[in-house]
Amino acid sequence: MNWNRTKSIFIVVFLLLNIFLGWQFVDRVLEGQLQSIEQAPEIVERLDDNNITLPDEDVNTSDARGVVLEGSRVSFTNEEIEQLENNGHSVETIGQSSNVIRVELEEPMNISQLLNANTEEAFAPLLAEHVLYGEEYVFSRREGHFLHFNQLYNQVETYIDNDEALTVELNDDDEVIGYEQQRYSFSENRDERDMTPYMTAIRVLLDNHYLSMNNTIERIEFGYYSLSDQTPRFFSPMWAVTVDRSGADAEEKDMRIYLVNAILSEQHQWYPDESQTNEEIEDELSE
């Protein structure tokens, strides 16, 4: 047997197989994006009739799965805490189970370049060097002196109502002075179920009058959301629809995020902007 020839044949076969599988994956993603719109002409017509625009960019459906996650907070070990302390950080554990830690940096850290970049990738080196399991977290938003990060599950963001997995604190000079961290261990609670397309989520919002004339749909994203405080926490697959409800003459944008369960098609509200009172929100929704 000519081993070199056989080895070359195997390499070529595996290369062709990888190309074929990659092409199938890309084709499946693109097909899913197109079908969501092409198979919902009546929804597109309703959007057009109300001058409601869809996002210019394609919706990423490649990692969307119809599974419910069960999340349990993980306790930080003595070895992990010592690792942070050896890096010069001061660590305080919160609660008897030590599943939340508050970390204070020895010296404030200038991250002006990261803030100016304002991208998820920009914060990766900071997280990798100073945060336990930093690769599992992704930047979400800034609120005043705090940077909020969500935890990932299979490269998909998980969201907790009124809470964040990681919150980094800044001083008045936009330097990092510390952070508070919690970490979840995830398991898939049930067998995977069929998902509703994201255009069905749009129809749900139309039927419930959460989309109005001249609204702009800024983004449609998939994620796992926990909306109730319980132990363990359950994270449901959701389509998150970001809507600009501002009028043409509005001085400030009125941005809302609406959630539609990707399995049950149930609709929820999600208001990260707490500047409005519940009465103001209820008055707007009753109009």
C-alpha atoms as a PDB file:
ATOM      1  CA  MET A   1       0.000   0.000   0.000  1.00  0.00           C
ATOM      2  CA  ASN A   2       1.240   3.462  -0.913  1.00  0.00           C
ATOM      3  CA  TRP A   3       0.722   5.229   2.422  1.00  0.00           C
ATOM      4  CA  ASN A   4       1.547   8.719   1.125  1.00  0.00           C
ATOM      5  CA  ARG A   5      -1.020   8.387  -1.643  1.00  0.00           C
ATOM      6  CA  THR A   6      -3.657   7.073   0.761  1.00  0.00           C
ATOM      7  CA  LYS A   7      -2.974   9.914   3.178  1.00  0.00           C
ATOM      8  CA  SER A   8      -3.344  12.467   0.390  1.00  0.00           C
ATOM      9  CA  ILE A   9      -6.677  10.954  -0.630  1.00  0.00           C
ATOM     10  CA  PHE A  10      -7.957  11.172   2.957  1.00  0.00           C
ATOM     11  CA  ILE A  11      -6.887  14.813   3.206  1.00  0.00           C
ATOM     12  CA  VAL A  12      -8.663  15.715  -0.028  1.00  0.00           C
ATOM     13  CA  VAL A  13     -11.819  13.829   1.000  1.00  0.00           C
ATOM     14  CA  PHE A  14     -11.984  15.556   4.406  1.00  0.00           C
ATOM     15  CA  LEU A  15     -11.321  18.927   2.792  1.00  0.00           C
ATOM     16  CA  LEU A  16     -14.193  18.423   0.348  1.00  0.00           C
ATOM     17  CA  LEU A  17     -16.430  17.233   3.190  1.00  0.00           C
ATOM     18  CA  ASN A  18     -15.662  20.344   5.244  1.00  0.00           C
ATOM     19  CA  ILE A  19     -16.398  22.587   2.265  1.00  0.00           C
ATOM     20  CA  PHE A  20     -19.709  20.793   1.686  1.00  0.00           C
ATOM     21  CA  LEU A  21     -20.768  21.032   5.337  1.00  0.00           C
ATOM     22  CA  GLY A  22     -19.772  24.697   5.481  1.00  0.00           C
ATOM     23  CA  TRP A  23     -21.773  25.443   2.366  1.00  0.00           C
ATOM     24  CA  GLN A  24     -24.801  23.638   3.842  1.00  0.00           C
ATOM     25  CA  PHE A  25     -24.529  25.647   7.052  1.00  0.00           C
ATOM     26  CA  VAL A  26     -24.369  28.991   5.255  1.00  0.00           C
ATOM     27  CA  ASP A  27     -27.189  27.976   2.942  1.00  0.00           C
ATOM     28  CA  ARG A  28     -29.331  26.942   5.891  1.00  0.00           C
ATOM     29  CA  VAL A  29     -28.776  30.276   7.652  1.00  0.00           C
ATOM     30  CA  LEU A  30     -29.567  32.305   4.543  1.00  0.00           C
ATOM     31  CA  GLU A  31     -32.593  30.162   3.762  1.00  0.00           C
ATOM     32  CA  GLY A  32     -33.922  30.667   7.284  1.00  0.00           C
ATOM     33  CA  GLN A  33     -33.533  34.436   7.003  1.00  0.00           C
ATOM     34  CA  LEU A  34     -35.267  34.589   3.643  1.00  0.00           C
ATOM     35  CA  GLN A  35     -38.091  32.240   4.555  1.00  0.00           C
ATOM     36  CA  SER A  36     -38.967  34.299   7.611  1.00  0.00           C
ATOM     37  CA  ILE A  37     -39.825  37.206   5.324  1.00  0.00           C
ATOM     38  CA  GLU A  38     -40.902  35.425   2.143  1.00  0.00           C
ATOM     39  CA  GLN A  39     -43.337  33.159   3.990  1.00  0.00           C
ATOM     40  CA  ALA A  40     -44.986  36.093   5.757  1.00  0.00           C
ATOM     41  CA  PRO A  41     -46.249  38.362   2.946  1.00  0.00           C
ATOM     42  CA  GLU A  42     -49.331  39.382   4.946  1.00  0.00           C
ATOM     43  CA  ILE A  43     -47.113  40.607   7.805  1.00  0.00           C
ATOM     44  CA  VAL A  44     -44.910  42.571   5.413  1.00  0.00           C
ATOM     45  CA  GLU A  45     -48.030  44.108   3.879  1.00  0.00           C
ATOM     46  CA  ARG A  46     -49.307  45.177   7.309  1.00  0.00           C
ATOM     47  CA  LEU A  47     -45.932  46.761   8.071  1.00  0.00           C
ATOM     48  CA  ASP A  48     -45.987  48.627   4.769  1.00  0.00           C
ATOM     49  CA  ASP A  49     -49.547  49.842   5.344  1.00  0.00           C
ATOM     50  CA  ASN A  50     -48.483  51.321   8.697  1.00  0.00           C
ATOM     51  CA  ASN A  51     -45.141  52.663   7.440  1.00  0.00           C
ATOM     52  CA  ILE A  52     -43.245  50.424   9.872  1.00  0.00           C
ATOM     53  CA  THR A  53     -39.740  49.629   8.656  1.00  0.00           C
ATOM     54  CA  LEU A  54     -37.678  46.501   9.275  1.00  0.00           C
ATOM     55  CA  PRO A  55     -33.928  46.560  10.062  1.00  0.00           C
ATOM     56  CA  ASP A  56     -31.574  46.981   7.135  1.00  0.00           C
ATOM     57  CA  GLU A  57     -29.254  44.227   8.369  1.00  0.00           C
ATOM     58  CA  ASP A  58     -30.122  40.533   8.218  1.00  0.00           C
ATOM     59  CA  VAL A  59     -31.343  38.852  11.393  1.00  0.00           C
ATOM     60  CA  ASN A  60     -28.834  36.351  12.762  1.00  0.00           C
ATOM     61  CA  THR A  61     -30.703  33.071  13.231  1.00  0.00           C
ATOM     62  CA  SER A  62     -27.705  30.725  13.114  1.00  0.00           C
ATOM     63  CA  ASP A  63     -27.544  30.096  16.894  1.00  0.00           C
ATOM     64  CA  ALA A  64     -31.270  30.317  17.627  1.00  0.00           C
ATOM     65  CA  ARG A  65     -32.629  27.142  19.234  1.00  0.00           C
ATOM     66  CA  GLY A  66     -35.934  26.262  20.842  1.00  0.00           C
ATOM     67  CA  VAL A  67     -34.578  25.160  24.217  1.00  0.00           C
ATOM     68  CA  VAL A  68     -35.272  26.351  27.759  1.00  0.00           C
ATOM     69  CA  LEU A  69     -32.185  26.757  29.944  1.00  0.00           C
ATOM     70  CA  GLU A  70     -31.993  26.027  33.645  1.00  0.00           C
ATOM     71  CA  GLY A  71     -29.419  28.273  35.269  1.00  0.00           C
ATOM     72  CA  SER A  72     -27.917  27.865  38.730  1.00  0.00           C
ATOM     73  CA  ARG A  73     -25.468  30.313  40.270  1.00  0.00           C
ATOM     74  CA  VAL A  74     -22.047  28.789  40.797  1.00  0.00           C
ATOM     75  CA  SER A  75     -20.100  29.349  44.013  1.00  0.00           C
ATOM     76  CA  PHE A  76     -16.603  30.758  43.593  1.00  0.00           C
ATOM     77  CA  THR A  77     -13.935  28.520  45.096  1.00  0.00           C
ATOM     78  CA  ASN A  78     -11.146  29.523  47.465  1.00  0.00           C
ATOM     79  CA  GLU A  79      -8.639  28.799  44.691  1.00  0.00           C
ATOM     80  CA  GLU A  80     -10.414  31.169  42.316  1.00  0.00           C
ATOM     81  CA  ILE A  81     -10.532  33.913  44.936  1.00  0.00           C
ATOM     82  CA  GLU A  82      -6.823  33.396  45.678  1.00  0.00           C
ATOM     83  CA  GLN A  83      -6.111  33.721  41.963  1.00  0.00           C
ATOM     84  CA  LEU A  84      -7.678  37.190  41.961  1.00  0.00           C
ATOM     85  CA  GLU A  85      -5.909  38.184  45.173  1.00  0.00           C
ATOM     86  CA  ASN A  86      -2.582  37.073  43.711  1.00  0.00           C
ATOM     87  CA  ASN A  87      -3.220  39.533  40.884  1.00  0.00           C
ATOM     88  CA  GLY A  88      -3.405  42.335  43.448  1.00  0.00           C
ATOM     89  CA  HIS A  89      -7.198  42.512  43.703  1.00  0.00           C
ATOM     90  CA  SER A  90      -9.224  42.784  46.897  1.00  0.00           C
ATOM     91  CA  VAL A  91     -12.082  40.257  46.922  1.00  0.00           C
ATOM     92  CA  GLU A  92     -15.247  40.194  49.043  1.00  0.00           C
ATOM     93  CA  THR A  93     -17.656  37.261  48.863  1.00  0.00           C
ATOM     94  CA  ILE A  94     -21.379  37.962  49.228  1.00  0.00           C
ATOM     95  CA  GLY A  95     -23.746  35.456  50.789  1.00  0.00           C
ATOM     96  CA  GLN A  96     -23.055  32.194  52.574  1.00  0.00           C
ATOM     97  CA  SER A  97     -22.631  30.267  49.332  1.00  0.00           C
ATOM     98  CA  SER A  98     -20.077  32.738  47.895  1.00  0.00           C
ATOM     99  CA  ASN A  99     -21.893  32.859  44.544  1.00  0.00           C
ATOM    100  CA  VAL A 100     -21.385  36.609  44.171  1.00  0.00           C
ATOM    101  CA  ILE A 101     -18.029  38.348  44.499  1.00  0.00           C
ATOM    102  CA  ARG A 102     -17.161  42.022  44.702  1.00  0.00           C
ATOM    103  CA  VAL A 103     -13.655  42.778  43.428  1.00  0.00           C
ATOM    104  CA  GLU A 104     -11.696  45.981  43.982  1.00  0.00           C
ATOM    105  CA  LEU A 105      -8.674  46.661  41.774  1.00  0.00           C
ATOM    106  CA  GLU A 106      -5.403  47.565  43.438  1.00  0.00           C
ATOM    107  CA  GLU A 107      -4.984  50.548  41.097  1.00  0.00           C
ATOM    108  CA  PRO A 108      -7.610  52.217  38.874  1.00  0.00           C
ATOM    109  CA  MET A 109      -7.310  51.066  35.267  1.00  0.00           C
ATOM    110  CA  ASN A 110      -7.628  53.450  32.337  1.00  0.00           C
ATOM    111  CA  ILE A 111      -9.903  51.987  29.643  1.00  0.00           C
ATOM    112  CA  SER A 112     -10.594  55.133  27.601  1.00  0.00           C
ATOM    113  CA  GLN A 113      -9.548  53.370  24.382  1.00  0.00           C
ATOM    114  CA  LEU A 114     -11.989  50.542  25.041  1.00  0.00           C
ATOM    115  CA  LEU A 115     -14.805  52.976  25.762  1.00  0.00           C
ATOM    116  CA  ASN A 116     -14.054  54.940  22.603  1.00  0.00           C
ATOM    117  CA  ALA A 117     -14.089  51.749  20.542  1.00  0.00           C
ATOM    118  CA  ASN A 118     -17.520  50.900  22.016  1.00  0.00           C
ATOM    119  CA  THR A 119     -17.587  47.341  20.661  1.00  0.00           C
ATOM    120  CA  GLU A 120     -18.118  43.976  22.309  1.00  0.00           C
ATOM    121  CA  GLU A 121     -14.706  42.754  21.136  1.00  0.00           C
ATOM    122  CA  ALA A 122     -12.858  45.723  22.624  1.00  0.00           C
ATOM    123  CA  PHE A 123     -13.521  44.546  26.194  1.00  0.00           C
ATOM    124  CA  ALA A 124     -12.295  40.968  25.645  1.00  0.00           C
ATOM    125  CA  PRO A 125      -8.660  41.607  26.795  1.00  0.00           C
ATOM    126  CA  LEU A 126      -9.863  43.379  29.950  1.00  0.00           C
ATOM    127  CA  LEU A 127     -12.186  40.505  30.845  1.00  0.00           C
ATOM    128  CA  ALA A 128      -9.625  37.832  30.055  1.00  0.00           C
ATOM    129  CA  GLU A 129      -6.971  39.392  32.285  1.00  0.00           C
ATOM    130  CA  HIS A 130      -8.980  40.542  35.293  1.00  0.00           C
ATOM    131  CA  VAL A 131     -12.253  38.570  35.437  1.00  0.00           C
ATOM    132  CA  LEU A 132     -12.704  34.888  36.200  1.00  0.00           C
ATOM    133  CA  TYR A 133     -14.064  33.100  33.123  1.00  0.00           C
ATOM    134  CA  GLY A 134     -13.942  36.421  31.308  1.00  0.00           C
ATOM    135  CA  GLU A 135     -14.473  34.765  27.921  1.00  0.00           C
ATOM    136  CA  GLU A 136     -18.025  33.901  29.001  1.00  0.00           C
ATOM    137  CA  TYR A 137     -19.123  37.540  29.277  1.00  0.00           C
ATOM    138  CA  VAL A 138     -20.042  40.106  26.654  1.00  0.00           C
ATOM    139  CA  PHE A 139     -20.591  43.864  26.888  1.00  0.00           C
ATOM    140  CA  SER A 140     -24.229  44.905  27.051  1.00  0.00           C
ATOM    141  CA  ARG A 141     -24.496  48.628  27.846  1.00  0.00           C
ATOM    142  CA  ARG A 142     -23.227  51.524  29.915  1.00  0.00           C
ATOM    143  CA  GLU A 143     -25.264  53.320  32.565  1.00  0.00           C
ATOM    144  CA  GLY A 144     -23.433  56.234  34.174  1.00  0.00           C
ATOM    145  CA  HIS A 145     -20.429  54.886  36.074  1.00  0.00           C
ATOM    146  CA  PHE A 146     -21.319  51.255  35.419  1.00  0.00           C
ATOM    147  CA  LEU A 147     -20.644  48.898  32.518  1.00  0.00           C
ATOM    148  CA  HIS A 148     -23.002  45.937  32.307  1.00  0.00           C
ATOM    149  CA  PHE A 149     -22.081  42.556  30.833  1.00  0.00           C
ATOM    150  CA  ASN A 150     -24.198  39.483  30.103  1.00  0.00           C
ATOM    151  CA  GLN A 151     -23.121  35.871  30.292  1.00  0.00           C
ATOM    152  CA  LEU A 152     -23.032  33.742  27.142  1.00  0.00           C
ATOM    153  CA  TYR A 153     -24.411  30.273  26.545  1.00  0.00           C
ATOM    154  CA  ASN A 154     -23.133  28.710  23.319  1.00  0.00           C
ATOM    155  CA  GLN A 155     -22.279  32.227  22.081  1.00  0.00           C
ATOM    156  CA  VAL A 156     -25.830  33.480  22.725  1.00  0.00           C
ATOM    157  CA  GLU A 157     -26.473  36.166  25.348  1.00  0.00           C
ATOM    158  CA  THR A 158     -28.468  35.391  28.472  1.00  0.00           C
ATOM    159  CA  TYR A 159     -30.428  38.157  30.194  1.00  0.00           C
ATOM    160  CA  ILE A 160     -31.673  38.465  33.772  1.00  0.00           C
ATOM    161  CA  ASP A 161     -34.518  40.830  34.643  1.00  0.00           C
ATOM    162  CA  ASN A 162     -33.228  43.683  36.850  1.00  0.00           C
ATOM    163  CA  ASP A 163     -29.832  42.059  37.232  1.00  0.00           C
ATOM    164  CA  GLU A 164     -26.563  41.549  35.359  1.00  0.00           C
ATOM    165  CA  ALA A 165     -24.046  38.754  35.509  1.00  0.00           C
ATOM    166  CA  LEU A 166     -21.141  41.220  35.609  1.00  0.00           C
ATOM    167  CA  THR A 167     -21.134  44.934  36.482  1.00  0.00           C
ATOM    168  CA  VAL A 168     -17.914  46.945  36.188  1.00  0.00           C
ATOM    169  CA  GLU A 169     -17.646  50.195  38.157  1.00  0.00           C
ATOM    170  CA  LEU A 170     -15.854  53.308  36.876  1.00  0.00           C
ATOM    171  CA  ASN A 171     -14.648  56.399  38.708  1.00  0.00           C
ATOM    172  CA  ASP A 172     -15.147  59.978  37.516  1.00  0.00           C
ATOM    173  CA  ASP A 173     -12.140  59.608  35.171  1.00  0.00           C
ATOM    174  CA  ASP A 174     -13.676  56.554  33.455  1.00  0.00           C
ATOM    175  CA  GLU A 175     -11.152  54.240  35.095  1.00  0.00           C
ATOM    176  CA  VAL A 176     -12.109  50.775  36.297  1.00  0.00           C
ATOM    177  CA  ILE A 177     -12.031  50.569  40.099  1.00  0.00           C
ATOM    178  CA  GLY A 178     -13.799  47.240  40.600  1.00  0.00           C
ATOM    179  CA  TYR A 179     -16.641  44.945  39.629  1.00  0.00           C
ATOM    180  CA  GLU A 180     -19.331  42.626  40.960  1.00  0.00           C
ATOM    181  CA  GLN A 181     -19.660  39.208  39.355  1.00  0.00           C
ATOM    182  CA  GLN A 182     -21.931  36.214  39.404  1.00  0.00           C
ATOM    183  CA  ARG A 183     -21.758  33.181  37.148  1.00  0.00           C
ATOM    184  CA  TYR A 184     -24.377  30.671  36.071  1.00  0.00           C
ATOM    185  CA  SER A 185     -24.069  27.046  35.115  1.00  0.00           C
ATOM    186  CA  PHE A 186     -26.563  26.258  32.355  1.00  0.00           C
ATOM    187  CA  SER A 187     -28.291  23.052  31.336  1.00  0.00           C
ATOM    188  CA  GLU A 188     -30.952  22.486  28.712  1.00  0.00           C
ATOM    189  CA  ASN A 189     -34.108  21.821  30.673  1.00  0.00           C
ATOM    190  CA  ARG A 190     -36.202  20.208  27.954  1.00  0.00           C
ATOM    191  CA  ASP A 191     -35.891  18.634  24.558  1.00  0.00           C
ATOM    192  CA  GLU A 192     -35.475  21.080  21.717  1.00  0.00           C
ATOM    193  CA  ARG A 193     -38.797  22.292  20.337  1.00  0.00           C
ATOM    194  CA  ASP A 194     -39.854  23.949  17.100  1.00  0.00           C
ATOM    195  CA  MET A 195     -39.294  27.688  17.067  1.00  0.00           C
ATOM    196  CA  THR A 196     -41.563  30.379  15.716  1.00  0.00           C
ATOM    197  CA  PRO A 197     -39.847  32.560  13.064  1.00  0.00           C
ATOM    198  CA  TYR A 198     -38.967  36.106  14.021  1.00  0.00           C
ATOM    199  CA  MET A 199     -41.600  37.433  11.629  1.00  0.00           C
ATOM    200  CA  THR A 200     -44.205  35.667  13.765  1.00  0.00           C
ATOM    201  CA  ALA A 201     -42.874  37.728  16.672  1.00  0.00           C
ATOM    202  CA  ILE A 202     -43.517  40.849  14.582  1.00  0.00           C
ATOM    203  CA  ARG A 203     -47.096  39.699  13.949  1.00  0.00           C
ATOM    204  CA  VAL A 204     -47.632  39.169  17.694  1.00  0.00           C
ATOM    205  CA  LEU A 205     -46.540  42.762  18.351  1.00  0.00           C
ATOM    206  CA  LEU A 206     -48.826  44.026  15.593  1.00  0.00           C
ATOM    207  CA  ASP A 207     -51.803  42.048  16.915  1.00  0.00           C
ATOM    208  CA  ASN A 208     -51.229  43.373  20.449  1.00  0.00           C
ATOM    209  CA  HIS A 209     -50.808  46.972  19.198  1.00  0.00           C
ATOM    210  CA  TYR A 210     -47.241  47.357  20.434  1.00  0.00           C
ATOM    211  CA  LEU A 211     -46.239  48.416  16.938  1.00  0.00           C
ATOM    212  CA  SER A 212     -47.849  51.623  15.736  1.00  0.00           C
ATOM    213  CA  MET A 213     -47.899  53.815  12.673  1.00  0.00           C
ATOM    214  CA  ASN A 214     -44.446  55.146  11.638  1.00  0.00           C
ATOM    215  CA  ASN A 215     -42.519  53.024  14.158  1.00  0.00           C
ATOM    216  CA  THR A 216     -39.038  51.812  13.203  1.00  0.00           C
ATOM    217  CA  ILE A 217     -37.867  48.309  14.071  1.00  0.00           C
ATOM    218  CA  GLU A 218     -34.184  48.896  14.806  1.00  0.00           C
ATOM    219  CA  ARG A 219     -33.033  45.348  15.654  1.00  0.00           C
ATOM    220  CA  ILE A 220     -34.299  41.783  15.955  1.00  0.00           C
ATOM    221  CA  GLU A 221     -32.088  39.538  18.087  1.00  0.00           C
ATOM    222  CA  PHE A 222     -32.283  36.116  19.690  1.00  0.00           C
ATOM    223  CA  GLY A 223     -31.394  35.487  23.327  1.00  0.00           C
ATOM    224  CA  TYR A 224     -32.294  33.579  26.493  1.00  0.00           C
ATOM    225  CA  TYR A 225     -34.244  35.633  29.055  1.00  0.00           C
ATOM    226  CA  SER A 226     -35.064  35.028  32.707  1.00  0.00           C
ATOM    227  CA  LEU A 227     -38.004  37.199  33.723  1.00  0.00           C
ATOM    228  CA  SER A 228     -38.790  35.833  37.202  1.00  0.00           C
ATOM    229  CA  ASP A 229     -36.634  35.582  40.311  1.00  0.00           C
ATOM    230  CA  GLN A 230     -36.599  31.935  41.288  1.00  0.00           C
ATOM    231  CA  THR A 231     -34.112  29.208  42.141  1.00  0.00           C
ATOM    232  CA  PRO A 232     -33.056  27.724  39.831  1.00  0.00           C
ATOM    233  CA  ARG A 233     -33.651  30.346  37.162  1.00  0.00           C
ATOM    234  CA  PHE A 234     -35.217  29.403  33.853  1.00  0.00           C
ATOM    235  CA  PHE A 235     -34.128  31.191  30.687  1.00  0.00           C
ATOM    236  CA  SER A 236     -36.598  31.097  27.797  1.00  0.00           C
ATOM    237  CA  PRO A 237     -35.641  31.571  24.138  1.00  0.00           C
ATOM    238  CA  MET A 238     -36.886  34.951  23.004  1.00  0.00           C
ATOM    239  CA  TRP A 239     -36.937  37.200  19.976  1.00  0.00           C
ATOM    240  CA  ALA A 240     -35.994  40.669  21.231  1.00  0.00           C
ATOM    241  CA  VAL A 241     -37.464  43.376  18.996  1.00  0.00           C
ATOM    242  CA  THR A 242     -36.032  46.869  19.514  1.00  0.00           C
ATOM    243  CA  VAL A 243     -38.519  49.517  18.394  1.00  0.00           C
ATOM    244  CA  ASP A 244     -38.124  53.268  17.956  1.00  0.00           C
ATOM    245  CA  ARG A 245     -41.527  54.685  18.873  1.00  0.00           C
ATOM    246  CA  SER A 246     -40.471  58.317  18.502  1.00  0.00           C
ATOM    247  CA  GLY A 247     -42.518  60.650  16.418  1.00  0.00           C
ATOM    248  CA  ALA A 248     -41.028  62.625  13.557  1.00  0.00           C
ATOM    249  CA  ASP A 249     -40.732  65.773  15.684  1.00  0.00           C
ATOM    250  CA  ALA A 250     -39.538  64.093  18.879  1.00  0.00           C
ATOM    251  CA  GLU A 251     -36.489  65.652  20.532  1.00  0.00           C
ATOM    252  CA  GLU A 252     -35.432  62.326  22.098  1.00  0.00           C
ATOM    253  CA  LYS A 253     -35.833  58.773  20.890  1.00  0.00           C
ATOM    254  CA  ASP A 254     -38.372  56.566  22.622  1.00  0.00           C
ATOM    255  CA  MET A 255     -36.698  53.163  22.404  1.00  0.00           C
ATOM    256  CA  ARG A 256     -38.446  50.012  23.626  1.00  0.00           C
ATOM    257  CA  ILE A 257     -37.464  46.371  23.624  1.00  0.00           C
ATOM    258  CA  TYR A 258     -40.280  43.851  23.295  1.00  0.00           C
ATOM    259  CA  LEU A 259     -39.788  40.143  23.883  1.00  0.00           C
ATOM    260  CA  VAL A 260     -41.692  37.363  22.176  1.00  0.00           C
ATOM    261  CA  ASN A 261     -41.214  33.790  23.371  1.00  0.00           C
ATOM    262  CA  ALA A 262     -39.668  31.894  20.458  1.00  0.00           C
ATOM    263  CA  ILE A 263     -41.555  28.714  21.388  1.00  0.00           C
ATOM    264  CA  LEU A 264     -44.917  29.857  22.762  1.00  0.00           C
ATOM    265  CA  SER A 265     -45.233  33.195  20.920  1.00  0.00           C
ATOM    266  CA  GLU A 266     -46.115  34.877  24.216  1.00  0.00           C
ATOM    267  CA  GLN A 267     -45.236  38.564  24.369  1.00  0.00           C
ATOM    268  CA  HIS A 268     -43.489  40.432  27.184  1.00  0.00           C
ATOM    269  CA  GLN A 269     -42.161  43.952  27.702  1.00  0.00           C
ATOM    270  CA  TRP A 270     -38.549  44.654  28.504  1.00  0.00           C
ATOM    271  CA  TYR A 271     -37.626  48.174  29.545  1.00  0.00           C
ATOM    272  CA  PRO A 272     -33.923  48.632  30.273  1.00  0.00           C
ATOM    273  CA  ASP A 273     -34.513  52.393  30.458  1.00  0.00           C
ATOM    274  CA  GLU A 274     -35.869  53.031  33.946  1.00  0.00           C
ATOM    275  CA  SER A 275     -36.228  56.806  33.396  1.00  0.00           C
ATOM    276  CA  GLN A 276     -39.959  56.305  32.865  1.00  0.00           C
ATOM    277  CA  THR A 277     -42.328  55.375  35.639  1.00  0.00           C
ATOM    278  CA  ASN A 278     -44.644  52.397  35.376  1.00  0.00           C
ATOM    279  CA  GLU A 279     -47.612  54.794  35.160  1.00  0.00           C
ATOM    280  CA  GLU A 280     -46.076  56.567  32.161  1.00  0.00           C
ATOM    281  CA  ILE A 281     -45.451  53.241  30.414  1.00  0.00           C
ATOM    282  CA  GLU A 282     -48.969  51.994  31.115  1.00  0.00           C
ATOM    283  CA  ASP A 283     -50.460  55.268  29.844  1.00  0.00           C
ATOM    284  CA  GLU A 284     -48.514  54.971  26.594  1.00  0.00           C
ATOM    285  CA  LEU A 285     -49.495  51.349  26.057  1.00  0.00           C
ATOM    286  CA  SER A 286     -53.167  52.162  26.618  1.00  0.00           C
ATOM    287  CA  GLU A 287     -53.217  54.811  23.882  1.00  0.00           C
END
